[in-house]
Protein backbone atom coordinates (compact mmCIF):
# COMPACT_ATOMS: atom_id res chain seq x y z
CA UNK A 1 0.00 0.00 0.00
CA UNK A 2 1.33 3.38 -0.89
CA UNK A 3 -0.77 5.56 1.37
CA UNK A 4 -0.93 6.30 5.06
CA UNK A 5 -2.95 3.91 7.22
CA UNK A 6 -5.47 5.84 9.33
CA UNK A 7 -4.58 6.09 13.02
CA UNK A 8 -6.08 3.22 15.00
CA UNK A 9 -7.14 1.34 11.86
CA UNK A 10 -5.39 -1.94 12.72
CA UNK A 11 -7.14 -2.21 16.07
CA UNK A 12 -10.55 -1.03 14.87
CA UNK A 13 -10.59 -3.36 11.85
CA UNK A 14 -8.64 -6.30 13.26
CA UNK A 15 -11.41 -8.71 12.26
CA UNK A 16 -11.36 -7.53 8.65
CA UNK A 17 -7.56 -7.74 8.52
CA UNK A 18 -7.65 -11.25 10.02
CA UNK A 19 -10.40 -12.34 7.61
CA UNK A 20 -8.35 -11.15 4.60
CA UNK A 21 -5.35 -13.15 5.80
CA UNK A 22 -7.38 -16.28 6.58
CA UNK A 23 -9.23 -16.29 3.25
CA UNK A 24 -6.00 -15.76 1.32
CA UNK A 25 -4.23 -18.53 3.28
CA UNK A 26 -7.08 -20.92 2.48
CA UNK A 27 -6.89 -20.06 -1.22
CA UNK A 28 -10.38 -18.57 -1.22
CA UNK A 29 -11.15 -15.64 -3.50
CA UNK A 30 -14.30 -14.03 -2.13
CA UNK A 31 -15.12 -12.03 1.00
CA UNK A 32 -18.67 -11.28 2.15
CA UNK A 33 -19.50 -8.53 4.63
CA UNK A 34 -22.95 -7.94 6.06
CA UNK A 35 -22.84 -4.14 6.06
CA UNK A 36 -20.93 -1.53 4.06
CA UNK A 37 -19.80 0.18 7.26
CA UNK A 38 -17.80 -2.94 8.10
CA UNK A 39 -15.23 -1.39 5.75
CA UNK A 40 -14.91 1.91 7.58
CA UNK A 41 -16.51 5.02 8.96
CA UNK A 42 -14.39 7.48 7.03
CA UNK A 43 -13.17 7.71 3.45
CA UNK A 44 -9.65 6.88 4.59
CA UNK A 45 -10.78 3.75 6.47
CA UNK A 46 -12.85 2.53 3.52
CA UNK A 47 -9.93 3.05 1.11
CA UNK A 48 -7.59 1.20 3.50
CA UNK A 49 -10.04 -1.70 3.79
CA UNK A 50 -10.56 -1.90 0.03
CA UNK A 51 -6.80 -1.84 -0.47
CA UNK A 52 -6.34 -4.73 1.98
CA UNK A 53 -9.08 -6.76 0.28
CA UNK A 54 -7.48 -6.12 -3.11
CA UNK A 55 -3.97 -6.90 -1.83
CA UNK A 56 -5.29 -10.26 -0.61
CA UNK A 57 -6.63 -10.94 -4.12
CA UNK A 58 -10.22 -11.11 -2.91
CA UNK A 59 -13.51 -10.14 -4.53
CA UNK A 60 -15.77 -8.25 -2.14
CA UNK A 61 -19.50 -8.84 -1.75
CA UNK A 62 -21.71 -6.69 0.47
CA UNK A 63 -25.01 -8.26 1.49
CA UNK A 64 -28.00 -6.22 0.38
CA UNK A 65 -30.37 -5.03 3.11
CA UNK A 66 -33.48 -7.18 3.31
CA UNK A 67 -35.66 -4.24 2.21
CA UNK A 68 -33.45 -3.54 -0.82
CA UNK A 69 -35.19 -3.50 -4.23
CA UNK A 70 -32.64 -6.10 -5.40
CA UNK A 71 -34.11 -8.57 -2.89
CA UNK A 72 -37.74 -8.11 -3.97
PDB file of N, CA and C in Angstrom:
ATOM      1  N   UNK A   1       0.845  -1.173   0.000  1.00  0.00           N
ATOM      2  CA  UNK A   1       0.000   0.000   0.000  1.00  0.00           C
ATOM      3  C   UNK A   1       0.889   1.234   0.000  1.00  0.00           C
ATOM      4  N   UNK A   2       0.492   2.194  -0.768  1.00  0.00           N
ATOM      5  CA  UNK A   2       1.327   3.384  -0.889  1.00  0.00           C
ATOM      6  C   UNK A   2       0.670   4.621  -0.296  1.00  0.00           C
ATOM      7  N   UNK A   3      -0.141   4.431   0.691  1.00  0.00           N
ATOM      8  CA  UNK A   3      -0.773   5.556   1.368  1.00  0.00           C
ATOM      9  C   UNK A   3      -0.656   5.366   2.867  1.00  0.00           C
ATOM     10  N   UNK A   4      -1.045   6.372   3.606  1.00  0.00           N
ATOM     11  CA  UNK A   4      -0.933   6.301   5.062  1.00  0.00           C
ATOM     12  C   UNK A   4      -2.136   5.591   5.665  1.00  0.00           C
ATOM     13  N   UNK A   5      -1.877   4.617   6.519  1.00  0.00           N
ATOM     14  CA  UNK A   5      -2.946   3.910   7.217  1.00  0.00           C
ATOM     15  C   UNK A   5      -3.527   4.837   8.280  1.00  0.00           C
ATOM     16  N   UNK A   6      -4.863   4.973   8.321  1.00  0.00           N
ATOM     17  CA  UNK A   6      -5.474   5.841   9.330  1.00  0.00           C
ATOM     18  C   UNK A   6      -5.097   5.410  10.744  1.00  0.00           C
ATOM     19  N   UNK A   7      -4.925   6.369  11.620  1.00  0.00           N
ATOM     20  CA  UNK A   7      -4.584   6.088  13.016  1.00  0.00           C
ATOM     21  C   UNK A   7      -5.639   5.188  13.644  1.00  0.00           C
ATOM     22  N   UNK A   8      -5.196   4.141  14.315  1.00  0.00           N
ATOM     23  CA  UNK A   8      -6.083   3.217  15.004  1.00  0.00           C
ATOM     24  C   UNK A   8      -6.767   2.202  14.108  1.00  0.00           C
ATOM     25  N   UNK A   9      -6.469   2.237  12.812  1.00  0.00           N
ATOM     26  CA  UNK A   9      -7.140   1.342  11.861  1.00  0.00           C
ATOM     27  C   UNK A   9      -6.935  -0.129  12.206  1.00  0.00           C
ATOM     28  N   UNK A  10      -5.685  -0.522  12.477  1.00  0.00           N
ATOM     29  CA  UNK A  10      -5.388  -1.939  12.715  1.00  0.00           C
ATOM     30  C   UNK A  10      -6.193  -2.517  13.881  1.00  0.00           C
ATOM     31  N   UNK A  11      -6.375  -1.733  14.913  1.00  0.00           N
ATOM     32  CA  UNK A  11      -7.139  -2.208  16.066  1.00  0.00           C
ATOM     33  C   UNK A  11      -8.631  -2.229  15.761  1.00  0.00           C
ATOM     34  N   UNK A  12      -9.124  -1.168  15.154  1.00  0.00           N
ATOM     35  CA  UNK A  12     -10.547  -1.033  14.874  1.00  0.00           C
ATOM     36  C   UNK A  12     -11.033  -2.085  13.877  1.00  0.00           C
ATOM     37  N   UNK A  13     -10.190  -2.434  12.905  1.00  0.00           N
ATOM     38  CA  UNK A  13     -10.590  -3.357  11.847  1.00  0.00           C
ATOM     39  C   UNK A  13      -9.785  -4.653  11.879  1.00  0.00           C
ATOM     40  N   UNK A  14      -9.425  -5.072  13.093  1.00  0.00           N
ATOM     41  CA  UNK A  14      -8.639  -6.304  13.256  1.00  0.00           C
ATOM     42  C   UNK A  14      -9.354  -7.513  12.669  1.00  0.00           C
ATOM     43  N   UNK A  15     -10.667  -7.569  12.808  1.00  0.00           N
ATOM     44  CA  UNK A  15     -11.413  -8.708  12.257  1.00  0.00           C
ATOM     45  C   UNK A  15     -11.332  -8.737  10.733  1.00  0.00           C
ATOM     46  N   UNK A  16     -11.457  -7.596  10.103  1.00  0.00           N
ATOM     47  CA  UNK A  16     -11.361  -7.529   8.647  1.00  0.00           C
ATOM     48  C   UNK A  16      -9.960  -7.914   8.185  1.00  0.00           C
ATOM     49  N   UNK A  17      -8.950  -7.422   8.863  1.00  0.00           N
ATOM     50  CA  UNK A  17      -7.561  -7.745   8.521  1.00  0.00           C
ATOM     51  C   UNK A  17      -7.325  -9.245   8.677  1.00  0.00           C
ATOM     52  N   UNK A  18      -7.803  -9.817   9.775  1.00  0.00           N
ATOM     53  CA  UNK A  18      -7.655 -11.247  10.017  1.00  0.00           C
ATOM     54  C   UNK A  18      -8.405 -12.066   8.961  1.00  0.00           C
ATOM     55  N   UNK A  19      -9.619 -11.631   8.608  1.00  0.00           N
ATOM     56  CA  UNK A  19     -10.399 -12.342   7.606  1.00  0.00           C
ATOM     57  C   UNK A  19      -9.691 -12.337   6.252  1.00  0.00           C
ATOM     58  N   UNK A  20      -9.109 -11.209   5.863  1.00  0.00           N
ATOM     59  CA  UNK A  20      -8.349 -11.150   4.603  1.00  0.00           C
ATOM     60  C   UNK A  20      -7.225 -12.178   4.615  1.00  0.00           C
ATOM     61  N   UNK A  21      -6.481 -12.228   5.700  1.00  0.00           N
ATOM     62  CA  UNK A  21      -5.352 -13.155   5.803  1.00  0.00           C
ATOM     63  C   UNK A  21      -5.816 -14.607   5.784  1.00  0.00           C
ATOM     64  N   UNK A  22      -6.883 -14.910   6.511  1.00  0.00           N
ATOM     65  CA  UNK A  22      -7.382 -16.284   6.576  1.00  0.00           C
ATOM     66  C   UNK A  22      -7.917 -16.756   5.230  1.00  0.00           C
ATOM     67  N   UNK A  23      -8.682 -15.915   4.552  1.00  0.00           N
ATOM     68  CA  UNK A  23      -9.229 -16.295   3.251  1.00  0.00           C
ATOM     69  C   UNK A  23      -8.112 -16.513   2.237  1.00  0.00           C
ATOM     70  N   UNK A  24      -7.135 -15.623   2.238  1.00  0.00           N
ATOM     71  CA  UNK A  24      -6.005 -15.764   1.325  1.00  0.00           C
ATOM     72  C   UNK A  24      -5.229 -17.049   1.619  1.00  0.00           C
ATOM     73  N   UNK A  25      -4.985 -17.333   2.892  1.00  0.00           N
ATOM     74  CA  UNK A  25      -4.235 -18.530   3.281  1.00  0.00           C
ATOM     75  C   UNK A  25      -4.959 -19.812   2.873  1.00  0.00           C
ATOM     76  N   UNK A  26      -6.278 -19.760   2.860  1.00  0.00           N
ATOM     77  CA  UNK A  26      -7.076 -20.924   2.477  1.00  0.00           C
ATOM     78  C   UNK A  26      -7.264 -21.031   0.963  1.00  0.00           C
ATOM     79  N   UNK A  27      -6.753 -20.046   0.234  1.00  0.00           N
ATOM     80  CA  UNK A  27      -6.889 -20.058  -1.217  1.00  0.00           C
ATOM     81  C   UNK A  27      -8.269 -19.645  -1.705  1.00  0.00           C
ATOM     82  N   UNK A  28      -9.048 -19.034  -0.827  1.00  0.00           N
ATOM     83  CA  UNK A  28     -10.376 -18.569  -1.216  1.00  0.00           C
ATOM     84  C   UNK A  28     -10.259 -17.215  -1.906  1.00  0.00           C
ATOM     85  N   UNK A  29     -11.262 -16.858  -2.690  1.00  0.00           N
ATOM     86  CA  UNK A  29     -11.151 -15.644  -3.496  1.00  0.00           C
ATOM     87  C   UNK A  29     -12.256 -14.634  -3.249  1.00  0.00           C
ATOM     88  N   UNK A  30     -13.183 -14.940  -2.346  1.00  0.00           N
ATOM     89  CA  UNK A  30     -14.302 -14.035  -2.126  1.00  0.00           C
ATOM     90  C   UNK A  30     -14.494 -13.736  -0.645  1.00  0.00           C
ATOM     91  N   UNK A  31     -14.825 -12.474  -0.363  1.00  0.00           N
ATOM     92  CA  UNK A  31     -15.121 -12.034   0.999  1.00  0.00           C
ATOM     93  C   UNK A  31     -16.535 -11.455   0.994  1.00  0.00           C
ATOM     94  N   UNK A  32     -17.315 -11.805   2.000  1.00  0.00           N
ATOM     95  CA  UNK A  32     -18.671 -11.283   2.149  1.00  0.00           C
ATOM     96  C   UNK A  32     -18.737 -10.522   3.472  1.00  0.00           C
ATOM     97  N   UNK A  33     -19.255  -9.293   3.406  1.00  0.00           N
ATOM     98  CA  UNK A  33     -19.504  -8.525   4.629  1.00  0.00           C
ATOM     99  C   UNK A  33     -20.997  -8.219   4.685  1.00  0.00           C
ATOM    100  N   UNK A  34     -21.523  -8.135   5.887  1.00  0.00           N
ATOM    101  CA  UNK A  34     -22.955  -7.938   6.063  1.00  0.00           C
ATOM    102  C   UNK A  34     -23.385  -6.486   5.861  1.00  0.00           C
ATOM    103  N   UNK A  35     -22.485  -5.555   6.120  1.00  0.00           N
ATOM    104  CA  UNK A  35     -22.839  -4.140   6.057  1.00  0.00           C
ATOM    105  C   UNK A  35     -21.692  -3.354   5.440  1.00  0.00           C
ATOM    106  N   UNK A  36     -22.000  -2.331   4.652  1.00  0.00           N
ATOM    107  CA  UNK A  36     -20.927  -1.526   4.058  1.00  0.00           C
ATOM    108  C   UNK A  36     -20.032  -0.862   5.098  1.00  0.00           C
ATOM    109  N   UNK A  37     -20.604  -0.510   6.240  1.00  0.00           N
ATOM    110  CA  UNK A  37     -19.800   0.177   7.263  1.00  0.00           C
ATOM    111  C   UNK A  37     -18.806  -0.753   7.934  1.00  0.00           C
ATOM    112  N   UNK A  38     -18.837  -2.023   7.611  1.00  0.00           N
ATOM    113  CA  UNK A  38     -17.799  -2.939   8.101  1.00  0.00           C
ATOM    114  C   UNK A  38     -16.444  -2.584   7.493  1.00  0.00           C
ATOM    115  N   UNK A  39     -16.464  -1.789   6.432  1.00  0.00           N
ATOM    116  CA  UNK A  39     -15.233  -1.391   5.750  1.00  0.00           C
ATOM    117  C   UNK A  39     -14.649  -0.098   6.296  1.00  0.00           C
ATOM    118  N   UNK A  40     -15.443   0.680   7.018  1.00  0.00           N
ATOM    119  CA  UNK A  40     -14.912   1.912   7.578  1.00  0.00           C
ATOM    120  C   UNK A  40     -15.977   2.955   7.811  1.00  0.00           C
ATOM    121  N   UNK A  41     -15.617   3.903   8.650  1.00  0.00           N
ATOM    122  CA  UNK A  41     -16.508   5.018   8.964  1.00  0.00           C
ATOM    123  C   UNK A  41     -16.114   6.283   8.217  1.00  0.00           C
ATOM    124  N   UNK A  42     -14.883   6.315   7.751  1.00  0.00           N
ATOM    125  CA  UNK A  42     -14.386   7.480   7.027  1.00  0.00           C
ATOM    126  C   UNK A  42     -13.883   7.038   5.655  1.00  0.00           C
ATOM    127  N   UNK A  43     -13.711   8.002   4.787  1.00  0.00           N
ATOM    128  CA  UNK A  43     -13.173   7.711   3.454  1.00  0.00           C
ATOM    129  C   UNK A  43     -11.836   6.990   3.562  1.00  0.00           C
ATOM    130  N   UNK A  44     -10.976   7.463   4.443  1.00  0.00           N
ATOM    131  CA  UNK A  44      -9.647   6.877   4.594  1.00  0.00           C
ATOM    132  C   UNK A  44      -9.720   5.423   5.051  1.00  0.00           C
ATOM    133  N   UNK A  45     -10.627   5.131   5.993  1.00  0.00           N
ATOM    134  CA  UNK A  45     -10.777   3.754   6.467  1.00  0.00           C
ATOM    135  C   UNK A  45     -11.304   2.848   5.360  1.00  0.00           C
ATOM    136  N   UNK A  46     -12.288   3.331   4.608  1.00  0.00           N
ATOM    137  CA  UNK A  46     -12.848   2.532   3.517  1.00  0.00           C
ATOM    138  C   UNK A  46     -11.778   2.236   2.476  1.00  0.00           C
ATOM    139  N   UNK A  47     -10.994   3.240   2.103  1.00  0.00           N
ATOM    140  CA  UNK A  47      -9.934   3.052   1.114  1.00  0.00           C
ATOM    141  C   UNK A  47      -8.900   2.059   1.638  1.00  0.00           C
ATOM    142  N   UNK A  48      -8.543   2.144   2.903  1.00  0.00           N
ATOM    143  CA  UNK A  48      -7.591   1.205   3.501  1.00  0.00           C
ATOM    144  C   UNK A  48      -8.158  -0.216   3.451  1.00  0.00           C
ATOM    145  N   UNK A  49      -9.422  -0.380   3.819  1.00  0.00           N
ATOM    146  CA  UNK A  49     -10.038  -1.704   3.787  1.00  0.00           C
ATOM    147  C   UNK A  49     -10.091  -2.256   2.369  1.00  0.00           C
ATOM    148  N   UNK A  50     -10.513  -1.447   1.418  1.00  0.00           N
ATOM    149  CA  UNK A  50     -10.562  -1.900   0.026  1.00  0.00           C
ATOM    150  C   UNK A  50      -9.176  -2.275  -0.478  1.00  0.00           C
ATOM    151  N   UNK A  51      -8.180  -1.530  -0.074  1.00  0.00           N
ATOM    152  CA  UNK A  51      -6.799  -1.839  -0.467  1.00  0.00           C
ATOM    153  C   UNK A  51      -6.366  -3.183   0.103  1.00  0.00           C
ATOM    154  N   UNK A  52      -6.721  -3.450   1.354  1.00  0.00           N
ATOM    155  CA  UNK A  52      -6.340  -4.726   1.977  1.00  0.00           C
ATOM    156  C   UNK A  52      -7.065  -5.902   1.327  1.00  0.00           C
ATOM    157  N   UNK A  53      -8.331  -5.709   0.983  1.00  0.00           N
ATOM    158  CA  UNK A  53      -9.084  -6.756   0.285  1.00  0.00           C
ATOM    159  C   UNK A  53      -8.439  -7.029  -1.071  1.00  0.00           C
ATOM    160  N   UNK A  54      -8.108  -5.966  -1.798  1.00  0.00           N
ATOM    161  CA  UNK A  54      -7.477  -6.120  -3.110  1.00  0.00           C
ATOM    162  C   UNK A  54      -6.100  -6.756  -2.992  1.00  0.00           C
ATOM    163  N   UNK A  55      -5.316  -6.334  -2.021  1.00  0.00           N
ATOM    164  CA  UNK A  55      -3.974  -6.899  -1.828  1.00  0.00           C
ATOM    165  C   UNK A  55      -4.030  -8.398  -1.522  1.00  0.00           C
ATOM    166  N   UNK A  56      -5.123  -8.842  -0.906  1.00  0.00           N
ATOM    167  CA  UNK A  56      -5.290 -10.264  -0.609  1.00  0.00           C
ATOM    168  C   UNK A  56      -5.834 -11.023  -1.822  1.00  0.00           C
ATOM    169  N   UNK A  57      -6.128 -10.305  -2.910  1.00  0.00           N
ATOM    170  CA  UNK A  57      -6.633 -10.941  -4.121  1.00  0.00           C
ATOM    171  C   UNK A  57      -8.075 -11.395  -4.007  1.00  0.00           C
ATOM    172  N   UNK A  58      -8.847 -10.705  -3.173  1.00  0.00           N
ATOM    173  CA  UNK A  58     -10.224 -11.108  -2.911  1.00  0.00           C
ATOM    174  C   UNK A  58     -11.229 -10.254  -3.665  1.00  0.00           C
ATOM    175  N   UNK A  59     -12.337 -10.868  -4.029  1.00  0.00           N
ATOM    176  CA  UNK A  59     -13.508 -10.142  -4.528  1.00  0.00           C
ATOM    177  C   UNK A  59     -14.380  -9.844  -3.318  1.00  0.00           C
ATOM    178  N   UNK A  60     -14.970  -8.667  -3.283  1.00  0.00           N
ATOM    179  CA  UNK A  60     -15.767  -8.245  -2.139  1.00  0.00           C
ATOM    180  C   UNK A  60     -17.246  -8.254  -2.494  1.00  0.00           C
ATOM    181  N   UNK A  61     -18.052  -8.840  -1.609  1.00  0.00           N
ATOM    182  CA  UNK A  61     -19.497  -8.839  -1.751  1.00  0.00           C
ATOM    183  C   UNK A  61     -20.088  -8.237  -0.487  1.00  0.00           C
ATOM    184  N   UNK A  62     -21.028  -7.304  -0.662  1.00  0.00           N
ATOM    185  CA  UNK A  62     -21.713  -6.690   0.469  1.00  0.00           C
ATOM    186  C   UNK A  62     -23.165  -7.130   0.397  1.00  0.00           C
ATOM    187  N   UNK A  63     -23.651  -7.743   1.459  1.00  0.00           N
ATOM    188  CA  UNK A  63     -25.009  -8.264   1.493  1.00  0.00           C
ATOM    189  C   UNK A  63     -25.991  -7.092   1.397  1.00  0.00           C
ATOM    190  N   UNK A  64     -26.983  -7.248   0.531  1.00  0.00           N
ATOM    191  CA  UNK A  64     -28.003  -6.217   0.376  1.00  0.00           C
ATOM    192  C   UNK A  64     -28.943  -6.229   1.579  1.00  0.00           C
ATOM    193  N   UNK A  65     -29.387  -5.065   2.028  1.00  0.00           N
ATOM    194  CA  UNK A  65     -30.369  -5.034   3.112  1.00  0.00           C
ATOM    195  C   UNK A  65     -31.631  -5.783   2.702  1.00  0.00           C
ATOM    196  N   UNK A  66     -32.327  -6.360   3.669  1.00  0.00           N
ATOM    197  CA  UNK A  66     -33.483  -7.181   3.312  1.00  0.00           C
ATOM    198  C   UNK A  66     -34.610  -6.374   2.672  1.00  0.00           C
ATOM    199  N   UNK A  67     -34.627  -5.059   2.855  1.00  0.00           N
ATOM    200  CA  UNK A  67     -35.657  -4.239   2.214  1.00  0.00           C
ATOM    201  C   UNK A  67     -35.159  -3.610   0.904  1.00  0.00           C
ATOM    202  N   UNK A  68     -34.028  -4.055   0.418  1.00  0.00           N
ATOM    203  CA  UNK A  68     -33.453  -3.540  -0.821  1.00  0.00           C
ATOM    204  C   UNK A  68     -34.282  -3.985  -2.022  1.00  0.00           C
ATOM    205  N   UNK A  69     -34.453  -3.117  -3.032  1.00  0.00           N
ATOM    206  CA  UNK A  69     -35.187  -3.504  -4.232  1.00  0.00           C
ATOM    207  C   UNK A  69     -34.594  -4.723  -4.925  1.00  0.00           C
ATOM    208  N   UNK A  70     -33.279  -4.948  -4.768  1.00  0.00           N
ATOM    209  CA  UNK A  70     -32.642  -6.101  -5.400  1.00  0.00           C
ATOM    210  C   UNK A  70     -33.068  -7.413  -4.751  1.00  0.00           C
ATOM    211  N   UNK A  71     -33.663  -7.355  -3.591  1.00  0.00           N
ATOM    212  CA  UNK A  71     -34.114  -8.566  -2.894  1.00  0.00           C
ATOM    213  C   UNK A  71     -35.587  -8.852  -3.134  1.00  0.00           C
ATOM    214  N   UNK A  72     -36.294  -7.927  -3.750  1.00  0.00           N
ATOM    215  CA  UNK A  72     -37.740  -8.115  -3.974  1.00  0.00           C
ATOM    216  C   UNK A  72     -38.003  -8.799  -5.292  1.00  0.00           C
TER     217      UNK A  72
END
